[in-house]
C-alpha atoms as a PDB file:
ATOM      1  CA  MET A   1       6.778  12.867  10.696  1.00  0.00           C
ATOM      2  CA  ASP A   2       7.353   9.144  11.294  1.00  0.00           C
ATOM      3  CA  LEU A   3       9.347   6.974   8.919  1.00  0.00           C
ATOM      4  CA  MET A   4       7.243   5.645   6.018  1.00  0.00           C
ATOM      5  CA  GLU A   5       4.315   7.983   6.615  1.00  0.00           C
ATOM      6  CA  ARG A   6       3.222  10.404   3.890  1.00  0.00           C
ATOM      7  CA  VAL A   7       6.227  11.843   2.100  1.00  0.00           C
ATOM      8  CA  ALA A   8       6.673  15.587   2.024  1.00  0.00           C
ATOM      9  CA  ILE A   9       6.485  15.753  -1.780  1.00  0.00           C
ATOM     10  CA  GLY A  10       2.698  15.736  -2.176  1.00  0.00           C
ATOM     11  CA  ASP A  11       2.114  17.947   0.864  1.00  0.00           C
ATOM     12  CA  SER A  12       5.094  20.284   0.338  1.00  0.00           C
ATOM     13  CA  TRP A  13       4.954  23.879  -0.830  1.00  0.00           C
ATOM     14  CA  GLY A  14       6.631  22.831  -4.084  1.00  0.00           C
ATOM     15  CA  GLY A  15       3.984  20.164  -4.709  1.00  0.00           C
ATOM     16  CA  ARG A  16       1.104  22.543  -4.023  1.00  0.00           C
ATOM     17  CA  THR A  17       2.666  25.232  -6.219  1.00  0.00           C
ATOM     18  CA  THR A  18       3.028  22.771  -9.080  1.00  0.00           C
ATOM     19  CA  ARG A  19      -0.599  21.674  -8.843  1.00  0.00           C
ATOM     20  CA  MET A  20      -1.747  25.328  -8.733  1.00  0.00           C
ATOM     21  CA  ARG A  21       0.322  26.139 -11.836  1.00  0.00           C
ATOM     22  CA  GLN A  22      -1.163  23.185 -13.665  1.00  0.00           C
ATOM     23  CA  ALA A  23      -4.718  24.168 -12.702  1.00  0.00           C
ATOM     24  CA  ILE A  24      -4.218  27.750 -13.958  1.00  0.00           C
ATOM     25  CA  TYR A  25      -2.661  26.515 -17.181  1.00  0.00           C
ATOM     26  CA  ASP A  26      -5.527  24.081 -17.773  1.00  0.00           C
ATOM     27  CA  GLY A  27      -7.991  26.949 -17.343  1.00  0.00           C
ATOM     28  CA  LEU A  28      -6.079  29.194 -19.749  1.00  0.00           C
ATOM     29  CA  VAL A  29      -6.029  26.611 -22.526  1.00  0.00           C
ATOM     30  CA  GLY A  30      -9.767  25.949 -22.154  1.00  0.00           C
ATOM     31  CA  LEU A  31     -11.873  26.833 -25.193  1.00  0.00           C
ATOM     32  CA  PRO A  32     -13.617  29.946 -23.710  1.00  0.00           C
ATOM     33  CA  LEU A  33     -10.385  31.629 -22.649  1.00  0.00           C
ATOM     34  CA  ARG A  34      -8.610  30.647 -25.872  1.00  0.00           C
ATOM     35  CA  ILE A  35     -11.352  32.320 -27.912  1.00  0.00           C
ATOM     36  CA  GLY A  36     -11.430  35.341 -25.598  1.00  0.00           C
ATOM     37  CA  GLY A  37      -7.658  35.705 -25.548  1.00  0.00           C
ATOM     38  CA  ALA A  38      -7.278  35.448 -29.296  1.00  0.00           C
ATOM     39  CA  SER A  39     -10.212  37.704 -30.193  1.00  0.00           C
ATOM     40  CA  GLY A  40      -9.257  40.267 -27.538  1.00  0.00           C
ATOM     41  CA  THR A  41      -5.721  40.447 -28.899  1.00  0.00           C
ATOM     42  CA  VAL A  42      -6.951  40.924 -32.488  1.00  0.00           C
ATOM     43  CA  LEU A  43      -9.468  43.622 -31.496  1.00  0.00           C
ATOM     44  CA  GLY A  44      -6.888  45.355 -29.355  1.00  0.00           C
ATOM     45  CA  PHE A  45      -4.354  45.381 -32.185  1.00  0.00           C
ATOM     46  CA  VAL A  46      -6.880  46.739 -34.687  1.00  0.00           C
ATOM     47  CA  GLY A  47      -8.142  49.368 -32.261  1.00  0.00           C
ATOM     48  CA  SER A  48      -4.617  50.522 -31.463  1.00  0.00           C
ATOM     49  CA  VAL A  49      -3.349  50.694 -35.054  1.00  0.00           C
ATOM     50  CA  TRP A  50      -6.477  51.656 -37.035  1.00  0.00           C
ATOM     51  CA  PRO A  51      -8.812  53.478 -34.635  1.00  0.00           C
ATOM     52  CA  GLU A  52     -10.362  55.443 -37.517  1.00  0.00           C
ATOM     53  CA  LYS A  53     -11.623  52.272 -39.219  1.00  0.00           C
ATOM     54  CA  VAL A  54     -13.036  50.994 -35.937  1.00  0.00           C
ATOM     55  CA  ARG A  55     -14.830  54.350 -35.444  1.00  0.00           C
ATOM     56  CA  MET A  56     -16.341  54.044 -38.895  1.00  0.00           C
ATOM     57  CA  LEU A  57     -17.656  50.554 -38.081  1.00  0.00           C
ATOM     58  CA  ALA A  58     -18.771  51.415 -34.545  1.00  0.00           C
ATOM     59  CA  GLY A  59     -20.420  54.722 -35.448  1.00  0.00           C
ATOM     60  CA  ALA A  60     -19.995  58.156 -33.953  1.00  0.00           C
ATOM     61  CA  GLY A  61     -20.667  57.010 -30.383  1.00  0.00           C
ATOM     62  CA  MET A  62     -16.918  56.625 -29.624  1.00  0.00           C
ATOM     63  CA  ASN A  63     -14.077  59.003 -30.457  1.00  0.00           C
ATOM     64  CA  ILE A  64     -10.685  57.918 -31.800  1.00  0.00           C
ATOM     65  CA  GLU A  65      -8.833  58.419 -28.501  1.00  0.00           C
ATOM     66  CA  THR A  66     -11.298  56.233 -26.606  1.00  0.00           C
ATOM     67  CA  ILE A  67     -11.006  53.502 -29.244  1.00  0.00           C
ATOM     68  CA  ARG A  68      -7.215  53.691 -29.139  1.00  0.00           C
ATOM     69  CA  PHE A  69      -7.261  53.553 -25.304  1.00  0.00           C
ATOM     70  CA  TRP A  70      -9.417  50.429 -25.125  1.00  0.00           C
ATOM     71  CA  GLY A  71      -7.432  48.914 -27.989  1.00  0.00           C
ATOM     72  CA  MET A  72      -4.253  49.258 -25.945  1.00  0.00           C
ATOM     73  CA  ILE A  73      -6.036  47.729 -22.916  1.00  0.00           C
ATOM     74  CA  LEU A  74      -7.215  44.714 -24.947  1.00  0.00           C
ATOM     75  CA  LEU A  75      -3.788  44.341 -26.537  1.00  0.00           C
ATOM     76  CA  GLY A  76      -2.146  44.368 -23.100  1.00  0.00           C
ATOM     77  CA  VAL A  77      -4.577  41.771 -21.770  1.00  0.00           C
ATOM     78  CA  GLY A  78      -3.914  39.605 -24.824  1.00  0.00           C
ATOM     79  CA  ALA A  79      -0.168  39.919 -24.352  1.00  0.00           C
ATOM     80  CA  LEU A  80      -0.552  38.935 -20.683  1.00  0.00           C
ATOM     81  CA  TYR A  81      -2.665  35.925 -21.685  1.00  0.00           C
ATOM     82  CA  PHE A  82      -0.041  34.563 -24.083  1.00  0.00           C
ATOM     83  CA  ALA A  83       2.761  35.353 -21.648  1.00  0.00           C
ATOM     84  CA  LEU A  84       1.017  33.306 -18.960  1.00  0.00           C
ATOM     85  CA  LEU A  85       0.550  30.442 -21.405  1.00  0.00           C
ATOM     86  CA  TRP A  86       4.289  30.411 -22.085  1.00  0.00           C
ATOM     87  CA  ILE A  87       5.322  30.783 -18.435  1.00  0.00           C
ATOM     88  CA  LEU A  88       2.914  28.182 -17.027  1.00  0.00           C
ATOM     89  CA  LYS A  89       3.330  25.612 -19.772  1.00  0.00           C
ATOM     90  CA  PRO A  90       4.489  22.331 -18.110  1.00  0.00           C
ATOM     91  CA  GLY A  91       8.216  21.836 -18.633  1.00  0.00           C
ATOM     92  CA  ALA A  92       8.712  25.420 -19.819  1.00  0.00           C
ATOM     93  CA  THR A  93      11.301  26.241 -17.142  1.00  0.00           C
ATOM     94  CA  ALA A  94      13.570  24.178 -14.970  1.00  0.00           C
ATOM     95  CA  ALA A  95      13.208  26.595 -12.068  1.00  0.00           C
ATOM     96  CA  VAL A  96       9.769  25.343 -11.117  1.00  0.00           C
ATOM     97  CA  ALA A  97      10.237  21.582 -11.220  1.00  0.00           C
ATOM     98  CA  PRO A  98       7.577  19.836  -9.092  1.00  0.00           C
ATOM     99  CA  LEU A  99       9.959  18.730  -6.371  1.00  0.00           C
ATOM    100  CA  ALA A 100      10.348  19.185  -2.647  1.00  0.00           C
ATOM    101  CA  VAL A 101      13.999  20.082  -2.059  1.00  0.00           C
ATOM    102  CA  THR A 102      15.593  19.290   1.267  1.00  0.00           C
ATOM    103  CA  ALA A 103      19.070  18.633   2.565  1.00  0.00           C
ATOM    104  CA  GLY A 104      19.968  15.034   1.892  1.00  0.00           C
ATOM    105  CA  ARG A 105      23.092  12.977   2.017  1.00  0.00           C
ATOM    106  CA  ASP A 106      24.388  14.792  -1.070  1.00  0.00           C
ATOM    107  CA  SER A 107      22.382  17.914  -1.819  1.00  0.00           C
ATOM    108  CA  SER A 108      24.713  18.819  -4.671  1.00  0.00           C
ATOM    109  CA  VAL A 109      23.281  16.045  -6.842  1.00  0.00           C
ATOM    110  CA  GLY A 110      19.739  16.494  -8.137  1.00  0.00           C
ATOM    111  CA  ASN A 111      16.983  17.136  -5.625  1.00  0.00           C
ATOM    112  CA  GLN A 112      16.410  15.486  -2.299  1.00  0.00           C
ATOM    113  CA  GLY A 113      13.153  14.264  -0.705  1.00  0.00           C
ATOM    114  CA  HIS A 114      12.694  12.907   2.783  1.00  0.00           C
ATOM    115  CA  ILE A 115      10.531  10.775   5.060  1.00  0.00           C
ATOM    116  CA  GLY A 116      11.273  11.806   8.606  1.00  0.00           C
ATOM    117  CA  ASP A 117      15.047  11.747   9.019  1.00  0.00           C
ATOM    118  CA  ASN A 118      15.562   9.564   5.954  1.00  0.00           C
ATOM    119  CA  HIS A 119      16.595  11.413   2.806  1.00  0.00           C
ATOM    120  CA  PHE A 120      16.406  10.135  -0.747  1.00  0.00           C
ATOM    121  CA  HIS A 121      17.088  11.337  -4.284  1.00  0.00           C
ATOM    122  CA  ILE A 122      14.201  12.395  -6.526  1.00  0.00           C
ATOM    123  CA  THR A 123      14.303  13.190 -10.235  1.00  0.00           C
ATOM    124  CA  PRO A 124      11.567  15.052 -12.179  1.00  0.00           C
ATOM    125  CA  THR A 125      10.539  11.870 -13.989  1.00  0.00           C
ATOM    126  CA  ASN A 126       9.888   9.779 -10.872  1.00  0.00           C
ATOM    127  CA  VAL A 127       8.148  12.215  -8.508  1.00  0.00           C
ATOM    128  CA  LYS A 128       4.660  10.671  -8.753  1.00  0.00           C
ATOM    129  CA  LEU A 129       6.034   7.136  -8.695  1.00  0.00           C
ATOM    130  CA  THR A 130       8.161   7.939  -5.643  1.00  0.00           C
ATOM    131  CA  HIS A 131       5.138   9.485  -3.914  1.00  0.00           C
ATOM    132  CA  ASP A 132       3.043   6.369  -4.563  1.00  0.00           C
ATOM    133  CA  GLN A 133       5.879   4.119  -3.459  1.00  0.00           C
ATOM    134  CA  THR A 134       6.472   5.938  -0.190  1.00  0.00           C
ATOM    135  CA  ASP A 135       2.761   5.749   0.636  1.00  0.00           C
ATOM    136  CA  LEU A 136       2.910   1.985   0.083  1.00  0.00           C
ATOM    137  CA  LEU A 137       6.180   1.623   1.967  1.00  0.00           C
ATOM    138  CA  GLY A 138       4.575   3.488   4.855  1.00  0.00           C
ATOM    139  CA  GLU A 139       1.774   0.916   4.924  1.00  0.00           C
ATOM    140  CA  ILE A 140       4.298  -1.924   4.932  1.00  0.00           C
ATOM    141  CA  ASN A 141       6.196  -0.234   7.744  1.00  0.00           C
ATOM    142  CA  LEU A 142       3.088   0.024   9.929  1.00  0.00           C
ATOM    143  CA  PHE A 143       1.890  -3.463   9.022  1.00  0.00           C
ATOM    144  CA  ILE A 144       5.185  -5.258   9.731  1.00  0.00           C
ATOM    145  CA  CYS A 145       8.298  -3.255  10.532  1.00  0.00           C
ATOM    146  CA  VAL A 146       7.238  -1.392  13.668  1.00  0.00           C
ATOM    147  CA  LYS A 147       5.757  -4.467  15.396  1.00  0.00           C
ATOM    148  CA  ASP A 148       7.469  -6.627  17.993  1.00  0.00           C
ATOM    149  CA  GLU A 149       7.516 -10.420  17.843  1.00  0.00           C
ATOM    150  CA  LEU A 150       4.254 -10.965  19.728  1.00  0.00           C
ATOM    151  CA  SER A 151       2.415  -8.355  17.677  1.00  0.00           C
ATOM    152  CA  LEU A 152       3.605  -9.972  14.459  1.00  0.00           C
ATOM    153  CA  ARG A 153       2.317 -13.358  15.593  1.00  0.00           C
ATOM    154  CA  GLN A 154      -1.006 -11.849  16.615  1.00  0.00           C
ATOM    155  CA  THR A 155      -1.339 -10.127  13.244  1.00  0.00           C
ATOM    156  CA  PHE A 156      -1.551 -13.598  11.700  1.00  0.00           C
ATOM    157  CA  SER A 157      -3.444 -15.255  14.590  1.00  0.00           C
ATOM    158  CA  LEU A 158      -0.602 -17.729  15.048  1.00  0.00           C
ATOM    159  CA  PRO A 159      -0.749 -18.040  18.851  1.00  0.00           C
ATOM    160  CA  GLU A 160      -4.517 -18.588  18.900  1.00  0.00           C
ATOM    161  CA  MET A 161      -4.833 -20.845  15.842  1.00  0.00           C
ATOM    162  CA  LEU A 162      -2.653 -23.528  17.414  1.00  0.00           C
ATOM    163  CA  GLU A 163      -4.931 -24.113  20.415  1.00  0.00           C
ATOM    164  CA  GLU A 164      -8.153 -23.952  18.410  1.00  0.00           C
ATOM    165  CA  ASN A 165      -6.868 -26.406  15.823  1.00  0.00           C
ATOM    166  CA  VAL A 166      -5.879 -28.755  18.638  1.00  0.00           C
ATOM    167  CA  ILE A 167      -9.530 -28.631  19.758  1.00  0.00           C
ATOM    168  CA  LEU A 168     -10.638 -29.117  16.150  1.00  0.00           C
ATOM    169  CA  ALA A 169      -8.413 -32.199  15.801  1.00  0.00           C
ATOM    170  CA  ILE A 170      -9.776 -33.670  19.048  1.00  0.00           C
ATOM    171  CA  GLN A 171     -13.302 -33.171  17.743  1.00  0.00           C
ATOM    172  CA  PHE A 172     -12.488 -34.485  14.255  1.00  0.00           C
ATOM    173  CA  LEU A 173     -10.783 -37.645  15.537  1.00  0.00           C
ATOM    174  CA  HIS A 174     -13.342 -38.171  18.337  1.00  0.00           C
ATOM    175  CA  LEU A 175     -10.571 -38.287  20.912  1.00  0.00           C
ATOM    176  CA  ASP A 176     -12.614 -36.620  23.618  1.00  0.00           C
ATOM    177  CA  THR A 177     -16.090 -35.261  24.297  1.00  0.00           C
ATOM    178  CA  LEU A 178     -16.371 -31.497  24.016  1.00  0.00           C
ATOM    179  CA  ASN A 179     -19.104 -29.540  25.718  1.00  0.00           C
ATOM    180  CA  PRO A 180     -21.456 -27.491  23.492  1.00  0.00           C
ATOM    181  CA  LEU A 181     -20.075 -24.144  24.685  1.00  0.00           C
ATOM    182  CA  ARG A 182     -16.541 -25.144  23.674  1.00  0.00           C
ATOM    183  CA  ILE A 183     -17.756 -26.219  20.241  1.00  0.00           C
ATOM    184  CA  GLN A 184     -19.610 -22.921  19.857  1.00  0.00           C
ATOM    185  CA  ARG A 185     -16.468 -21.009  20.768  1.00  0.00           C
ATOM    186  CA  LEU A 186     -14.531 -23.045  18.223  1.00  0.00           C
ATOM    187  CA  ASN A 187     -17.001 -22.263  15.447  1.00  0.00           C
ATOM    188  CA  GLU A 188     -17.037 -18.574  16.311  1.00  0.00           C
ATOM    189  CA  PHE A 189     -13.251 -18.427  16.302  1.00  0.00           C
ATOM    190  CA  PHE A 190     -12.987 -19.792  12.763  1.00  0.00           C
ATOM    191  CA  GLU A 191     -15.989 -17.890  11.409  1.00  0.00           C
ATOM    192  CA  ASN A 192     -15.209 -16.392   7.956  1.00  0.00           C
ATOM    193  CA  GLY A 193     -11.857 -18.150   7.952  1.00  0.00           C
ATOM    194  CA  GLN A 194     -10.632 -20.758   5.486  1.00  0.00           C
ATOM    195  CA  ALA A 195      -9.791 -24.455   5.629  1.00  0.00           C
ATOM    196  CA  ARG A 196      -6.358 -25.683   4.566  1.00  0.00           C
ATOM    197  CA  ILE A 197      -5.547 -29.221   3.548  1.00  0.00           C
ATOM    198  CA  ASP A 198      -2.131 -30.795   3.877  1.00  0.00           C
ATOM    199  CA  LEU A 199      -1.405 -33.511   1.337  1.00  0.00           C
ATOM    200  CA  ARG A 200       1.223 -35.017   3.640  1.00  0.00           C
ATOM    201  CA  TYR A 201      -1.641 -36.346   5.721  1.00  0.00           C
ATOM    202  CA  GLY A 202      -4.207 -37.301   3.109  1.00  0.00           C
ATOM    203  CA  THR A 203      -5.209 -37.410  -0.542  1.00  0.00           C
ATOM    204  CA  VAL A 204      -7.626 -35.493  -2.756  1.00  0.00           C
ATOM    205  CA  GLU A 205     -10.063 -37.439  -4.896  1.00  0.00           C
ATOM    206  CA  VAL A 206     -11.612 -35.778  -7.940  1.00  0.00           C
ATOM    207  CA  ARG A 207     -15.333 -36.533  -7.963  1.00  0.00           C
ATOM    208  CA  GLU A 208     -18.228 -35.594 -10.204  1.00  0.00           C
ATOM    209  CA  PHE A 209     -19.521 -32.853  -7.939  1.00  0.00           C
ATOM    210  CA  GLY A 210     -16.222 -31.601  -6.563  1.00  0.00           C
ATOM    211  CA  ASN A 211     -13.020 -32.724  -4.933  1.00  0.00           C
ATOM    212  CA  HIS A 212     -12.966 -34.803  -1.749  1.00  0.00           C
ATOM    213  CA  TYR A 213     -10.159 -34.806   0.786  1.00  0.00           C
ATOM    214  CA  GLU A 214      -9.536 -38.134   2.486  1.00  0.00           C
ATOM    215  CA  PRO A 215      -7.163 -38.004   5.468  1.00  0.00           C
ATOM    216  CA  LYS A 216      -4.888 -40.888   6.302  1.00  0.00           C
ATOM    217  CA  PRO A 217      -6.246 -42.976   9.210  1.00  0.00           C
ATOM    218  CA  GLY A 218      -5.428 -41.482  12.568  1.00  0.00           C
ATOM    219  CA  THR A 219      -4.144 -38.182  11.194  1.00  0.00           C
ATOM    220  CA  PHE A 220      -5.366 -34.607  11.110  1.00  0.00           C
ATOM    221  CA  GLY A 221      -4.882 -33.163   7.637  1.00  0.00           C
ATOM    222  CA  MET A 222      -7.366 -30.284   7.345  1.00  0.00           C
ATOM    223  CA  MET A 223      -6.828 -27.317   9.642  1.00  0.00           C
ATOM    224  CA  ASN A 224      -8.753 -24.038   9.808  1.00  0.00           C
ATOM    225  CA  THR A 225      -7.511 -20.461   9.700  1.00  0.00           C
ATOM    226  CA  THR A 226      -9.185 -17.311  11.016  1.00  0.00           C
ATOM    227  CA  ALA A 227     -10.627 -14.337   9.149  1.00  0.00           C
ATOM    228  CA  THR A 228      -7.779 -12.279  10.646  1.00  0.00           C
ATOM    229  CA  TYR A 229      -5.222 -14.670   9.180  1.00  0.00           C
ATOM    230  CA  VAL A 230      -6.890 -14.674   5.761  1.00  0.00           C
ATOM    231  CA  ALA A 231      -7.012 -10.870   5.657  1.00  0.00           C
ATOM    232  CA  ALA A 232      -3.391 -10.493   6.793  1.00  0.00           C
ATOM    233  CA  ARG A 233      -2.085 -12.998   4.232  1.00  0.00           C
ATOM    234  CA  GLY A 234      -4.133 -11.237   1.562  1.00  0.00           C
ATOM    235  CA  LYS A 235      -2.649  -7.884   2.496  1.00  0.00           C
ATOM    236  CA  LEU A 236       0.851  -9.325   2.479  1.00  0.00           C
ATOM    237  CA  ALA A 237       0.248 -10.877  -0.956  1.00  0.00           C
ATOM    238  CA  ALA A 238      -0.973  -7.499  -2.259  1.00  0.00           C
ATOM    239  CA  PHE A 239       2.259  -5.864  -1.101  1.00  0.00           C
ATOM    240  CA  ILE A 240       4.341  -8.559  -2.780  1.00  0.00           C
ATOM    241  CA  ASN A 241       2.412  -8.356  -6.050  1.00  0.00           C
ATOM    242  CA  SER A 242       2.365  -4.561  -6.251  1.00  0.00           C
ATOM    243  CA  ALA A 243       4.116  -3.252  -9.360  1.00  0.00           C
ATOM    244  CA  ILE A 244       5.571  -0.259  -7.477  1.00  0.00           C
ATOM    245  CA  VAL A 245       7.186  -2.122  -4.589  1.00  0.00           C
ATOM    246  CA  PRO A 246      10.991  -1.952  -5.042  1.00  0.00           C
ATOM    247  CA  ILE A 247      12.531  -5.308  -5.923  1.00  0.00           C
ATOM    248  CA  ASN A 248      14.665  -5.540  -2.763  1.00  0.00           C
ATOM    249  CA  VAL A 249      11.612  -4.842  -0.587  1.00  0.00           C
ATOM    250  CA  ARG A 250       9.559  -7.385  -2.558  1.00  0.00           C
ATOM    251  CA  ASN A 251      12.209 -10.066  -1.996  1.00  0.00           C
ATOM    252  CA  ALA A 252      12.242  -9.342   1.754  1.00  0.00           C
ATOM    253  CA  LEU A 253       8.436  -9.510   1.839  1.00  0.00           C
ATOM    254  CA  LYS A 254       8.515 -12.868   0.050  1.00  0.00           C
ATOM    255  CA  GLU A 255      10.965 -14.222   2.600  1.00  0.00           C
ATOM    256  CA  PHE A 256       8.736 -12.993   5.435  1.00  0.00           C
ATOM    257  CA  ASP A 257       5.697 -14.600   3.796  1.00  0.00           C
ATOM    258  CA  GLU A 258       7.582 -17.914   3.503  1.00  0.00           C
ATOM    259  CA  GLN A 259       8.105 -17.917   7.267  1.00  0.00           C
ATOM    260  CA  ILE A 260       4.406 -17.256   7.871  1.00  0.00           C
ATOM    261  CA  GLU A 261       3.579 -20.210   5.625  1.00  0.00           C
ATOM    262  CA  ALA A 262       6.122 -22.438   7.368  1.00  0.00           C
ATOM    263  CA  ASN A 263       4.760 -21.530  10.816  1.00  0.00           C
ATOM    264  CA  THR A 264       1.222 -22.197   9.603  1.00  0.00           C
ATOM    265  CA  LYS A 265       2.173 -25.658   8.362  1.00  0.00           C
ATOM    266  CA  LEU A 266       3.950 -26.238  11.658  1.00  0.00           C
ATOM    267  CA  ILE A 267       0.583 -26.156  13.459  1.00  0.00           C
ATOM    268  CA  ILE A 268      -0.627 -29.260  11.661  1.00  0.00           C
ATOM    269  CA  GLU A 269       2.777 -30.925  12.029  1.00  0.00           C
ATOM    270  CA  VAL A 270       2.780 -30.449  15.812  1.00  0.00           C
ATOM    271  CA  ILE A 271      -0.749 -31.817  16.103  1.00  0.00           C
ATOM    272  CA  ASN A 272       0.084 -34.930  14.092  1.00  0.00           C
ATOM    273  CA  ASP A 273       3.339 -35.466  15.982  1.00  0.00           C
ATOM    274  CA  LEU A 274       1.413 -35.452  19.271  1.00  0.00           C
ATOM    275  CA  ILE A 275      -1.194 -37.851  17.839  1.00  0.00           C
ATOM    276  CA  ALA A 276       1.584 -40.191  16.719  1.00  0.00           C
ATOM    277  CA  THR A 277       3.234 -40.009  20.146  1.00  0.00           C
ATOM    278  CA  SER A 278       0.048 -40.382  22.177  1.00  0.00           C
ATOM    279  CA  PRO A 279      -3.496 -39.204  21.350  1.00  0.00           C
ATOM    280  CA  SER A 280      -4.069 -38.602  25.066  1.00  0.00           C
ATOM    281  CA  LEU A 281      -1.137 -36.165  25.035  1.00  0.00           C
ATOM    282  CA  LEU A 282      -2.972 -34.085  22.454  1.00  0.00           C
ATOM    283  CA  VAL A 283      -6.209 -34.253  24.444  1.00  0.00           C
ATOM    284  CA  ASN A 284      -4.505 -33.155  27.655  1.00  0.00           C
ATOM    285  CA  SER A 285      -2.412 -30.435  26.035  1.00  0.00           C
ATOM    286  CA  TRP A 286      -5.160 -27.841  26.457  1.00  0.00           C
ATOM    287  CA  LYS A 287      -6.510 -28.974  29.840  1.00  0.00           C
ATOM    288  CA  GLU A 288      -4.997 -26.872  32.611  1.00  0.00           C
ATOM    289  CA  GLU A 289      -5.566 -29.521  35.302  1.00  0.00           C
ATOM    290  CA  SER A 290      -3.713 -32.274  33.383  1.00  0.00           C
ATOM    291  CA  ASN A 291      -0.032 -33.217  33.432  1.00  0.00           C
ATOM    292  CA  GLY A 292       0.178 -32.809  29.663  1.00  0.00           C
ATOM    293  CA  TYR A 293      -1.055 -29.228  29.670  1.00  0.00           C
ATOM    294  CA  GLY A 294       0.914 -27.032  27.242  1.00  0.00           C
ATOM    295  CA  ALA A 295       2.463 -29.931  25.329  1.00  0.00           C
ATOM    296  CA  ALA A 296       1.267 -28.588  21.965  1.00  0.00           C
ATOM    297  CA  ALA A 297       2.329 -25.020  22.744  1.00  0.00           C
ATOM    298  CA  SER A 298       5.785 -26.163  23.872  1.00  0.00           C
ATOM    299  CA  ALA A 299       6.326 -28.289  20.773  1.00  0.00           C
ATOM    300  CA  TYR A 300       5.181 -25.415  18.554  1.00  0.00           C
ATOM    301  CA  ALA A 301       7.444 -22.914  20.310  1.00  0.00           C
ATOM    302  CA  ARG A 302      10.515 -25.125  19.892  1.00  0.00           C
ATOM    303  CA  LYS A 303      10.154 -25.242  16.096  1.00  0.00           C
ATOM    304  CA  PHE A 304       8.562 -21.844  15.515  1.00  0.00           C
ATOM    305  CA  ILE A 305      10.520 -19.568  13.177  1.00  0.00           C
ATOM    306  CA  THR A 306      10.915 -16.182  14.861  1.00  0.00           C
ATOM    307  CA  LEU A 307       9.374 -13.452  12.694  1.00  0.00           C
ATOM    308  CA  ARG A 308      11.098 -10.346  13.972  1.00  0.00           C
ATOM    309  CA  PRO A 309      14.440 -10.932  12.140  1.00  0.00           C
ATOM    310  CA  PHE A 310      12.566 -11.150   8.831  1.00  0.00           C
ATOM    311  CA  ALA A 311      10.624  -7.990   9.653  1.00  0.00           C
ATOM    312  CA  GLU A 312      13.972  -6.289  10.219  1.00  0.00           C
ATOM    313  CA  LYS A 313      15.081  -7.430   6.753  1.00  0.00           C
ATOM    314  CA  ILE A 314      12.054  -5.666   5.289  1.00  0.00           C
ATOM    315  CA  ASP A 315      12.894  -2.572   7.323  1.00  0.00           C
ATOM    316  CA  GLY A 316      16.465  -2.706   6.064  1.00  0.00           C
ATOM    317  CA  ALA A 317      15.347  -3.116   2.443  1.00  0.00           C
ATOM    318  CA  ILE A 318      13.098  -0.063   2.723  1.00  0.00           C
ATOM    319  CA  ARG A 319      15.890   2.012   4.252  1.00  0.00           C
ATOM    320  CA  GLU A 320      18.257   0.861   1.521  1.00  0.00           C
ATOM    321  CA  TYR A 321      15.773   1.929  -1.149  1.00  0.00           C
ATOM    322  CA  LEU A 322      15.256   5.340   0.443  1.00  0.00           C
ATOM    323  CA  ASN A 323      18.995   5.873   0.976  1.00  0.00           C
ATOM    324  CA  PRO A 324      20.731   4.341  -2.085  1.00  0.00           C
END
């Protein structure tokens, strides 16, 4: 089983046994079985001790030996019922704690759980919490930790958003004429995304029917993000805000999120730097036949904060939590 995938606790023999015990106990304490168990025990006791009185009440249809026999049967069933209640009562014995036991780094202390080759300590009070946490940590692992640098950038649309925002800036500032197909592609790319304003390049005016962003002359201060970016940032925020994410993992996630934010802001910085240097440089940066082709991508790459080291910090924080 891969690291961070479902922990063995919930799917282990110990976990299934615990759930079965609880289900049987819940059935035994239900009203029908409580009434049946109690009344059967009373009838069995009376039939075993005073069969003559039962025969008098029941009539001559049953002899004393038959009454005593069925009384003993009912008494035995009643005794079994109450014995099962005592045995299956949650917390009644320490021998059936709901834990998956496996060899860990120190199997002499408490019980050990594992995800793949990673072992961690579990106590009876934190089994469910640990199960929920490892499910969430598995999601974080697949979302961030196992990905290489390019995959991490693609998860947040960072390579693609740079070029499309360059086109958006050219259109917004009327620096060049774009053909209708390129504009259509631009609109499709940002469909269901969100706009972001940068107050370094403009101001927001509060008006009667809403706020209005006014960019500084000759600058590009409102970029767009994709639906993929919005969803990925939302998922990352959910991980950070989860109450069951360990504090060291949360801190590593926050640091990773800060780098995503910085690299997002860098897009608009690069565009404005190229505009300030030469608007034609921005226009030519996406035209393959021009001398300035790739200028925006090169400038972005030089200042881009590599994501993989911060993903490794998250990986390390998870491993530290699982192996205290």
